[in-house]
Amino acid sequence: MITTAVDILYLALAISSILIAIFLCVALIFLTLILKDVSEVTKKAREVSDKINRLIIEPTKIINEIRKKFKMVQKIVEEKRKKS
């Protein structure tokens, strides 16, 4: 079977090619697992940001609008007081 140095070279190349293919398959499996975890993390982050938006930012916007309206009313009342 192995008679010359070229046969040993071909055997070494075949074994290394098989090992590289196995390594790439394992790396691909780990990559898919990592991407699946990243997908789950981004989904949870999206849910948290939606909750923050719904519970903090939206009420803050409403309060700011109410405050602006109140300031307008306050200015009108102060102007009427000054005229009186």
PDB file of N, CA and C in Angstrom:
ATOM      1  N   MET A   1       0.830  -1.186   0.000  1.00  0.00           N
ATOM      2  CA  MET A   1       0.000   0.000   0.000  1.00  0.00           C
ATOM      3  C   MET A   1       0.879   1.256   0.000  1.00  0.00           C
ATOM      4  N   ILE A   2       1.631   1.490   1.037  1.00  0.00           N
ATOM      5  CA  ILE A   2       2.499   2.662   1.069  1.00  0.00           C
ATOM      6  C   ILE A   2       3.877   2.218   0.581  1.00  0.00           C
ATOM      7  N   THR A   3       4.201   2.655  -0.600  1.00  0.00           N
ATOM      8  CA  THR A   3       5.472   2.207  -1.176  1.00  0.00           C
ATOM      9  C   THR A   3       6.459   3.338  -1.385  1.00  0.00           C
ATOM     10  N   THR A   4       5.949   4.549  -1.582  1.00  0.00           N
ATOM     11  CA  THR A   4       6.857   5.668  -1.837  1.00  0.00           C
ATOM     12  C   THR A   4       6.507   6.834  -0.923  1.00  0.00           C
ATOM     13  N   ALA A   5       7.359   7.838  -0.984  1.00  0.00           N
ATOM     14  CA  ALA A   5       7.138   9.046  -0.192  1.00  0.00           C
ATOM     15  C   ALA A   5       5.903   9.801  -0.674  1.00  0.00           C
ATOM     16  N   VAL A   6       5.597   9.691  -1.939  1.00  0.00           N
ATOM     17  CA  VAL A   6       4.414  10.359  -2.490  1.00  0.00           C
ATOM     18  C   VAL A   6       3.150   9.730  -1.916  1.00  0.00           C
ATOM     19  N   ASP A   7       3.155   8.427  -1.711  1.00  0.00           N
ATOM     20  CA  ASP A   7       1.999   7.767  -1.095  1.00  0.00           C
ATOM     21  C   ASP A   7       1.789   8.265   0.333  1.00  0.00           C
ATOM     22  N   ILE A   8       2.876   8.460   1.061  1.00  0.00           N
ATOM     23  CA  ILE A   8       2.777   8.991   2.429  1.00  0.00           C
ATOM     24  C   ILE A   8       2.235  10.418   2.387  1.00  0.00           C
ATOM     25  N   LEU A   9       2.698  11.192   1.423  1.00  0.00           N
ATOM     26  CA  LEU A   9       2.201  12.563   1.265  1.00  0.00           C
ATOM     27  C   LEU A   9       0.707  12.569   0.974  1.00  0.00           C
ATOM     28  N   TYR A  10       0.263  11.728   0.065  1.00  0.00           N
ATOM     29  CA  TYR A  10      -1.168  11.655  -0.258  1.00  0.00           C
ATOM     30  C   TYR A  10      -1.991  11.212   0.950  1.00  0.00           C
ATOM     31  N   LEU A  11      -1.467  10.262   1.713  1.00  0.00           N
ATOM     32  CA  LEU A  11      -2.163   9.805   2.916  1.00  0.00           C
ATOM     33  C   LEU A  11      -2.269  10.935   3.935  1.00  0.00           C
ATOM     34  N   ALA A  12      -1.177  11.675   4.115  1.00  0.00           N
ATOM     35  CA  ALA A  12      -1.191  12.804   5.049  1.00  0.00           C
ATOM     36  C   ALA A  12      -2.167  13.879   4.578  1.00  0.00           C
ATOM     37  N   LEU A  13      -2.188  14.140   3.284  1.00  0.00           N
ATOM     38  CA  LEU A  13      -3.127  15.128   2.742  1.00  0.00           C
ATOM     39  C   LEU A  13      -4.571  14.673   2.914  1.00  0.00           C
ATOM     40  N   ALA A  14      -4.832  13.410   2.711  1.00  0.00           N
ATOM     41  CA  ALA A  14      -6.197  12.898   2.868  1.00  0.00           C
ATOM     42  C   ALA A  14      -6.644  12.993   4.320  1.00  0.00           C
ATOM     43  N   ILE A  15      -5.763  12.602   5.237  1.00  0.00           N
ATOM     44  CA  ILE A  15      -6.120  12.671   6.664  1.00  0.00           C
ATOM     45  C   ILE A  15      -6.323  14.115   7.093  1.00  0.00           C
ATOM     46  N   SER A  16      -5.441  15.011   6.658  1.00  0.00           N
ATOM     47  CA  SER A  16      -5.600  16.420   7.045  1.00  0.00           C
ATOM     48  C   SER A  16      -6.856  17.023   6.419  1.00  0.00           C
ATOM     49  N   SER A  17      -7.197  16.630   5.214  1.00  0.00           N
ATOM     50  CA  SER A  17      -8.429  17.124   4.583  1.00  0.00           C
ATOM     51  C   SER A  17      -9.656  16.659   5.354  1.00  0.00           C
ATOM     52  N   ILE A  18      -9.644  15.411   5.783  1.00  0.00           N
ATOM     53  CA  ILE A  18     -10.765  14.891   6.573  1.00  0.00           C
ATOM     54  C   ILE A  18     -10.869  15.631   7.903  1.00  0.00           C
ATOM     55  N   LEU A  19      -9.723  15.859   8.556  1.00  0.00           N
ATOM     56  CA  LEU A  19      -9.744  16.573   9.841  1.00  0.00           C
ATOM     57  C   LEU A  19     -10.227  18.017   9.669  1.00  0.00           C
ATOM     58  N   ILE A  20      -9.813  18.667   8.598  1.00  0.00           N
ATOM     59  CA  ILE A  20     -10.281  20.038   8.336  1.00  0.00           C
ATOM     60  C   ILE A  20     -11.783  20.045   8.078  1.00  0.00           C
ATOM     61  N   ALA A  21     -12.275  19.073   7.338  1.00  0.00           N
ATOM     62  CA  ALA A  21     -13.717  18.998   7.069  1.00  0.00           C
ATOM     63  C   ALA A  21     -14.495  18.782   8.363  1.00  0.00           C
ATOM     64  N   ILE A  22     -13.991  17.904   9.230  1.00  0.00           N
ATOM     65  CA  ILE A  22     -14.657  17.673  10.523  1.00  0.00           C
ATOM     66  C   ILE A  22     -14.636  18.944  11.357  1.00  0.00           C
ATOM     67  N   PHE A  23     -13.482  19.626  11.392  1.00  0.00           N
ATOM     68  CA  PHE A  23     -13.378  20.871  12.149  1.00  0.00           C
ATOM     69  C   PHE A  23     -14.362  21.914  11.625  1.00  0.00           C
ATOM     70  N   LEU A  24     -14.458  22.047  10.315  1.00  0.00           N
ATOM     71  CA  LEU A  24     -15.386  23.032   9.741  1.00  0.00           C
ATOM     72  C   LEU A  24     -16.840  22.682  10.047  1.00  0.00           C
ATOM     73  N   CYS A  25     -17.171  21.402  10.053  1.00  0.00           N
ATOM     74  CA  CYS A  25     -18.541  20.997  10.397  1.00  0.00           C
ATOM     75  C   CYS A  25     -18.864  21.346  11.844  1.00  0.00           C
ATOM     76  N   VAL A  26     -17.924  21.059  12.747  1.00  0.00           N
ATOM     77  CA  VAL A  26     -18.138  21.379  14.162  1.00  0.00           C
ATOM     78  C   VAL A  26     -18.240  22.890  14.342  1.00  0.00           C
ATOM     79  N   ALA A  27     -17.378  23.646  13.656  1.00  0.00           N
ATOM     80  CA  ALA A  27     -17.433  25.105  13.748  1.00  0.00           C
ATOM     81  C   ALA A  27     -18.763  25.634  13.232  1.00  0.00           C
ATOM     82  N   LEU A  28     -19.272  25.053  12.166  1.00  0.00           N
ATOM     83  CA  LEU A  28     -20.561  25.474  11.617  1.00  0.00           C
ATOM     84  C   LEU A  28     -21.696  25.180  12.592  1.00  0.00           C
ATOM     85  N   ILE A  29     -21.630  24.040  13.255  1.00  0.00           N
ATOM     86  CA  ILE A  29     -22.652  23.705  14.255  1.00  0.00           C
ATOM     87  C   ILE A  29     -22.620  24.713  15.396  1.00  0.00           C
ATOM     88  N   PHE A  30     -21.415  25.026  15.895  1.00  0.00           N
ATOM     89  CA  PHE A  30     -21.312  26.003  16.978  1.00  0.00           C
ATOM     90  C   PHE A  30     -21.782  27.380  16.524  1.00  0.00           C
ATOM     91  N   LEU A  31     -21.489  27.740  15.291  1.00  0.00           N
ATOM     92  CA  LEU A  31     -21.939  29.031  14.770  1.00  0.00           C
ATOM     93  C   LEU A  31     -23.460  29.113  14.735  1.00  0.00           C
ATOM     94  N   THR A  32     -24.111  28.044  14.313  1.00  0.00           N
ATOM     95  CA  THR A  32     -25.579  28.058  14.291  1.00  0.00           C
ATOM     96  C   THR A  32     -26.144  28.142  15.699  1.00  0.00           C
ATOM     97  N   LEU A  33     -25.511  27.473  16.663  1.00  0.00           N
ATOM     98  CA  LEU A  33     -25.985  27.564  18.050  1.00  0.00           C
ATOM     99  C   LEU A  33     -25.813  28.976  18.596  1.00  0.00           C
ATOM    100  N   ILE A  34     -24.695  29.603  18.277  1.00  0.00           N
ATOM    101  CA  ILE A  34     -24.452  30.970  18.738  1.00  0.00           C
ATOM    102  C   ILE A  34     -25.460  31.927  18.111  1.00  0.00           C
ATOM    103  N   LEU A  35     -25.713  31.779  16.824  1.00  0.00           N
ATOM    104  CA  LEU A  35     -26.681  32.658  16.160  1.00  0.00           C
ATOM    105  C   LEU A  35     -28.090  32.464  16.713  1.00  0.00           C
ATOM    106  N   LYS A  36     -28.426  31.242  17.093  1.00  0.00           N
ATOM    107  CA  LYS A  36     -29.732  30.990  17.706  1.00  0.00           C
ATOM    108  C   LYS A  36     -29.828  31.714  19.046  1.00  0.00           C
ATOM    109  N   ASP A  37     -28.751  31.654  19.844  1.00  0.00           N
ATOM    110  CA  ASP A  37     -28.744  32.359  21.122  1.00  0.00           C
ATOM    111  C   ASP A  37     -28.832  33.871  20.923  1.00  0.00           C
ATOM    112  N   VAL A  38     -28.134  34.380  19.927  1.00  0.00           N
ATOM    113  CA  VAL A  38     -28.178  35.817  19.637  1.00  0.00           C
ATOM    114  C   VAL A  38     -29.588  36.224  19.244  1.00  0.00           C
ATOM    115  N   SER A  39     -30.254  35.394  18.485  1.00  0.00           N
ATOM    116  CA  SER A  39     -31.626  35.682  18.082  1.00  0.00           C
ATOM    117  C   SER A  39     -32.542  35.759  19.302  1.00  0.00           C
ATOM    118  N   GLU A  40     -32.372  34.835  20.235  1.00  0.00           N
ATOM    119  CA  GLU A  40     -33.197  34.854  21.446  1.00  0.00           C
ATOM    120  C   GLU A  40     -32.901  36.089  22.292  1.00  0.00           C
ATOM    121  N   VAL A  41     -31.628  36.457  22.392  1.00  0.00           N
ATOM    122  CA  VAL A  41     -31.251  37.634  23.186  1.00  0.00           C
ATOM    123  C   VAL A  41     -31.827  38.903  22.569  1.00  0.00           C
ATOM    124  N   THR A  42     -31.759  39.030  21.248  1.00  0.00           N
ATOM    125  CA  THR A  42     -32.313  40.229  20.621  1.00  0.00           C
ATOM    126  C   THR A  42     -33.830  40.280  20.759  1.00  0.00           C
ATOM    127  N   LYS A  43     -34.471  39.128  20.746  1.00  0.00           N
ATOM    128  CA  LYS A  43     -35.924  39.102  20.946  1.00  0.00           C
ATOM    129  C   LYS A  43     -36.266  39.589  22.350  1.00  0.00           C
ATOM    130  N   LYS A  44     -35.523  39.119  23.355  1.00  0.00           N
ATOM    131  CA  LYS A  44     -35.772  39.569  24.727  1.00  0.00           C
ATOM    132  C   LYS A  44     -35.456  41.052  24.885  1.00  0.00           C
ATOM    133  N   ALA A  45     -34.386  41.515  24.248  1.00  0.00           N
ATOM    134  CA  ALA A  45     -34.039  42.934  24.318  1.00  0.00           C
ATOM    135  C   ALA A  45     -35.126  43.784  23.676  1.00  0.00           C
ATOM    136  N   ARG A  46     -35.700  43.307  22.589  1.00  0.00           N
ATOM    137  CA  ARG A  46     -36.790  44.035  21.935  1.00  0.00           C
ATOM    138  C   ARG A  46     -37.999  44.113  22.860  1.00  0.00           C
ATOM    139  N   GLU A  47     -38.307  43.011  23.542  1.00  0.00           N
ATOM    140  CA  GLU A  47     -39.439  43.004  24.470  1.00  0.00           C
ATOM    141  C   GLU A  47     -39.204  43.985  25.613  1.00  0.00           C
ATOM    142  N   VAL A  48     -37.976  44.009  26.148  1.00  0.00           N
ATOM    143  CA  VAL A  48     -37.661  44.923  27.249  1.00  0.00           C
ATOM    144  C   VAL A  48     -37.754  46.370  26.780  1.00  0.00           C
ATOM    145  N   SER A  49     -37.230  46.663  25.595  1.00  0.00           N
ATOM    146  CA  SER A  49     -37.296  48.040  25.104  1.00  0.00           C
ATOM    147  C   SER A  49     -38.739  48.459  24.830  1.00  0.00           C
ATOM    148  N   ASP A  50     -39.566  47.539  24.379  1.00  0.00           N
ATOM    149  CA  ASP A  50     -40.985  47.856  24.190  1.00  0.00           C
ATOM    150  C   ASP A  50     -41.661  48.154  25.524  1.00  0.00           C
ATOM    151  N   LYS A  51     -41.329  47.373  26.553  1.00  0.00           N
ATOM    152  CA  LYS A  51     -41.904  47.630  27.880  1.00  0.00           C
ATOM    153  C   LYS A  51     -41.453  48.979  28.415  1.00  0.00           C
ATOM    154  N   ILE A  52     -40.165  49.294  28.242  1.00  0.00           N
ATOM    155  CA  ILE A  52     -39.651  50.590  28.695  1.00  0.00           C
ATOM    156  C   ILE A  52     -40.368  51.708  27.957  1.00  0.00           C
ATOM    157  N   ASN A  53     -40.538  51.548  26.676  1.00  0.00           N
ATOM    158  CA  ASN A  53     -41.234  52.562  25.886  1.00  0.00           C
ATOM    159  C   ASN A  53     -42.667  52.734  26.370  1.00  0.00           C
ATOM    160  N   ARG A  54     -43.341  51.614  26.618  1.00  0.00           N
ATOM    161  CA  ARG A  54     -44.741  51.667  27.018  1.00  0.00           C
ATOM    162  C   ARG A  54     -44.904  52.204  28.447  1.00  0.00           C
ATOM    163  N   LEU A  55     -44.005  51.843  29.356  1.00  0.00           N
ATOM    164  CA  LEU A  55     -44.189  52.194  30.760  1.00  0.00           C
ATOM    165  C   LEU A  55     -43.516  53.498  31.171  1.00  0.00           C
ATOM    166  N   ILE A  56     -42.497  53.941  30.454  1.00  0.00           N
ATOM    167  CA  ILE A  56     -41.759  55.130  30.884  1.00  0.00           C
ATOM    168  C   ILE A  56     -41.847  56.254  29.864  1.00  0.00           C
ATOM    169  N   ILE A  57     -41.513  55.973  28.635  1.00  0.00           N
ATOM    170  CA  ILE A  57     -41.387  57.046  27.645  1.00  0.00           C
ATOM    171  C   ILE A  57     -42.742  57.610  27.243  1.00  0.00           C
ATOM    172  N   GLU A  58     -43.711  56.763  26.976  1.00  0.00           N
ATOM    173  CA  GLU A  58     -45.034  57.254  26.575  1.00  0.00           C
ATOM    174  C   GLU A  58     -45.689  58.104  27.673  1.00  0.00           C
ATOM    175  N   PRO A  59     -45.712  57.649  28.943  1.00  0.00           N
ATOM    176  CA  PRO A  59     -46.287  58.516  29.978  1.00  0.00           C
ATOM    177  C   PRO A  59     -45.522  59.830  30.139  1.00  0.00           C
ATOM    178  N   THR A  60     -44.206  59.786  29.946  1.00  0.00           N
ATOM    179  CA  THR A  60     -43.415  61.010  30.045  1.00  0.00           C
ATOM    180  C   THR A  60     -43.807  61.988  28.943  1.00  0.00           C
ATOM    181  N   LYS A  61     -44.033  61.495  27.752  1.00  0.00           N
ATOM    182  CA  LYS A  61     -44.478  62.368  26.659  1.00  0.00           C
ATOM    183  C   LYS A  61     -45.836  62.984  26.976  1.00  0.00           C
ATOM    184  N   ILE A  62     -46.727  62.188  27.523  1.00  0.00           N
ATOM    185  CA  ILE A  62     -48.059  62.693  27.872  1.00  0.00           C
ATOM    186  C   ILE A  62     -47.950  63.763  28.951  1.00  0.00           C
ATOM    187  N   ILE A  63     -47.115  63.516  29.958  1.00  0.00           N
ATOM    188  CA  ILE A  63     -46.933  64.496  31.036  1.00  0.00           C
ATOM    189  C   ILE A  63     -46.342  65.785  30.481  1.00  0.00           C
ATOM    190  N   ASN A  64     -45.395  65.695  29.571  1.00  0.00           N
ATOM    191  CA  ASN A  64     -44.815  66.901  28.974  1.00  0.00           C
ATOM    192  C   ASN A  64     -45.857  67.684  28.177  1.00  0.00           C
ATOM    193  N   GLU A  65     -46.716  67.003  27.466  1.00  0.00           N
ATOM    194  CA  GLU A  65     -47.777  67.690  26.720  1.00  0.00           C
ATOM    195  C   GLU A  65     -48.738  68.393  27.679  1.00  0.00           C
ATOM    196  N   ILE A  66     -49.100  67.706  28.751  1.00  0.00           N
ATOM    197  CA  ILE A  66     -49.987  68.322  29.752  1.00  0.00           C
ATOM    198  C   ILE A  66     -49.313  69.539  30.367  1.00  0.00           C
ATOM    199  N   ARG A  67     -48.007  69.434  30.647  1.00  0.00           N
ATOM    200  CA  ARG A  67     -47.266  70.548  31.238  1.00  0.00           C
ATOM    201  C   ARG A  67     -47.238  71.741  30.281  1.00  0.00           C
ATOM    202  N   LYS A  68     -47.056  71.488  28.991  1.00  0.00           N
ATOM    203  CA  LYS A  68     -47.061  72.577  28.012  1.00  0.00           C
ATOM    204  C   LYS A  68     -48.421  73.269  27.976  1.00  0.00           C
ATOM    205  N   LYS A  69     -49.496  72.479  27.992  1.00  0.00           N
ATOM    206  CA  LYS A  69     -50.838  73.065  27.986  1.00  0.00           C
ATOM    207  C   LYS A  69     -51.072  73.876  29.255  1.00  0.00           C
ATOM    208  N   PHE A  70     -50.598  73.343  30.380  1.00  0.00           N
ATOM    209  CA  PHE A  70     -50.775  74.055  31.641  1.00  0.00           C
ATOM    210  C   PHE A  70     -50.005  75.372  31.632  1.00  0.00           C
ATOM    211  N   LYS A  71     -48.808  75.383  31.041  1.00  0.00           N
ATOM    212  CA  LYS A  71     -48.042  76.627  30.961  1.00  0.00           C
ATOM    213  C   LYS A  71     -48.774  77.663  30.118  1.00  0.00           C
ATOM    214  N   MET A  72     -49.409  77.213  29.041  1.00  0.00           N
ATOM    215  CA  MET A  72     -50.164  78.146  28.211  1.00  0.00           C
ATOM    216  C   MET A  72     -51.316  78.747  29.009  1.00  0.00           C
ATOM    217  N   VAL A  73     -52.022  77.913  29.752  1.00  0.00           N
ATOM    218  CA  VAL A  73     -53.129  78.405  30.575  1.00  0.00           C
ATOM    219  C   VAL A  73     -52.598  79.342  31.648  1.00  0.00           C
ATOM    220  N   GLN A  74     -51.457  78.993  32.239  1.00  0.00           N
ATOM    221  CA  GLN A  74     -50.862  79.825  33.279  1.00  0.00           C
ATOM    222  C   GLN A  74     -50.485  81.200  32.720  1.00  0.00           C
ATOM    223  N   LYS A  75     -49.947  81.253  31.519  1.00  0.00           N
ATOM    224  CA  LYS A  75     -49.594  82.536  30.911  1.00  0.00           C
ATOM    225  C   LYS A  75     -50.838  83.382  30.665  1.00  0.00           C
ATOM    226  N   ILE A  76     -51.903  82.749  30.205  1.00  0.00           N
ATOM    227  CA  ILE A  76     -53.148  83.478  29.951  1.00  0.00           C
ATOM    228  C   ILE A  76     -53.690  84.054  31.252  1.00  0.00           C
ATOM    229  N   VAL A  77     -53.654  83.258  32.311  1.00  0.00           N
ATOM    230  CA  VAL A  77     -54.152  83.728  33.610  1.00  0.00           C
ATOM    231  C   VAL A  77     -53.287  84.872  34.118  1.00  0.00           C
ATOM    232  N   GLU A  78     -51.976  84.793  33.974  1.00  0.00           N
ATOM    233  CA  GLU A  78     -51.092  85.872  34.428  1.00  0.00           C
ATOM    234  C   GLU A  78     -51.335  87.149  33.629  1.00  0.00           C
ATOM    235  N   GLU A  79     -51.575  87.019  32.331  1.00  0.00           N
ATOM    236  CA  GLU A  79     -51.859  88.200  31.517  1.00  0.00           C
ATOM    237  C   GLU A  79     -53.166  88.855  31.948  1.00  0.00           C
ATOM    238  N   LYS A  80     -54.163  88.049  32.266  1.00  0.00           N
ATOM    239  CA  LYS A  80     -55.446  88.609  32.710  1.00  0.00           C
ATOM    240  C   LYS A  80     -55.291  89.295  34.058  1.00  0.00           C
ATOM    241  N   ARG A  81     -54.445  88.736  34.928  1.00  0.00           N
ATOM    242  CA  ARG A  81     -54.218  89.364  36.234  1.00  0.00           C
ATOM    243  C   ARG A  81     -53.541  90.717  36.063  1.00  0.00           C
ATOM    244  N   LYS A  82     -52.576  90.777  35.161  1.00  0.00           N
ATOM    245  CA  LYS A  82     -51.863  92.031  34.955  1.00  0.00           C
ATOM    246  C   LYS A  82     -52.790  93.098  34.384  1.00  0.00           C
ATOM    247  N   LYS A  83     -53.738  92.704  33.563  1.00  0.00           N
ATOM    248  CA  LYS A  83     -54.676  93.654  32.976  1.00  0.00           C
ATOM    249  C   LYS A  83     -55.671  94.164  34.007  1.00  0.00           C
ATOM    250  N   SER A  84     -55.959  93.335  34.994  1.00  0.00           N
ATOM    251  CA  SER A  84     -56.970  93.732  35.976  1.00  0.00           C
ATOM    252  C   SER A  84     -56.444  94.703  36.979  1.00  0.00           C
TER     253      SER A  84
END
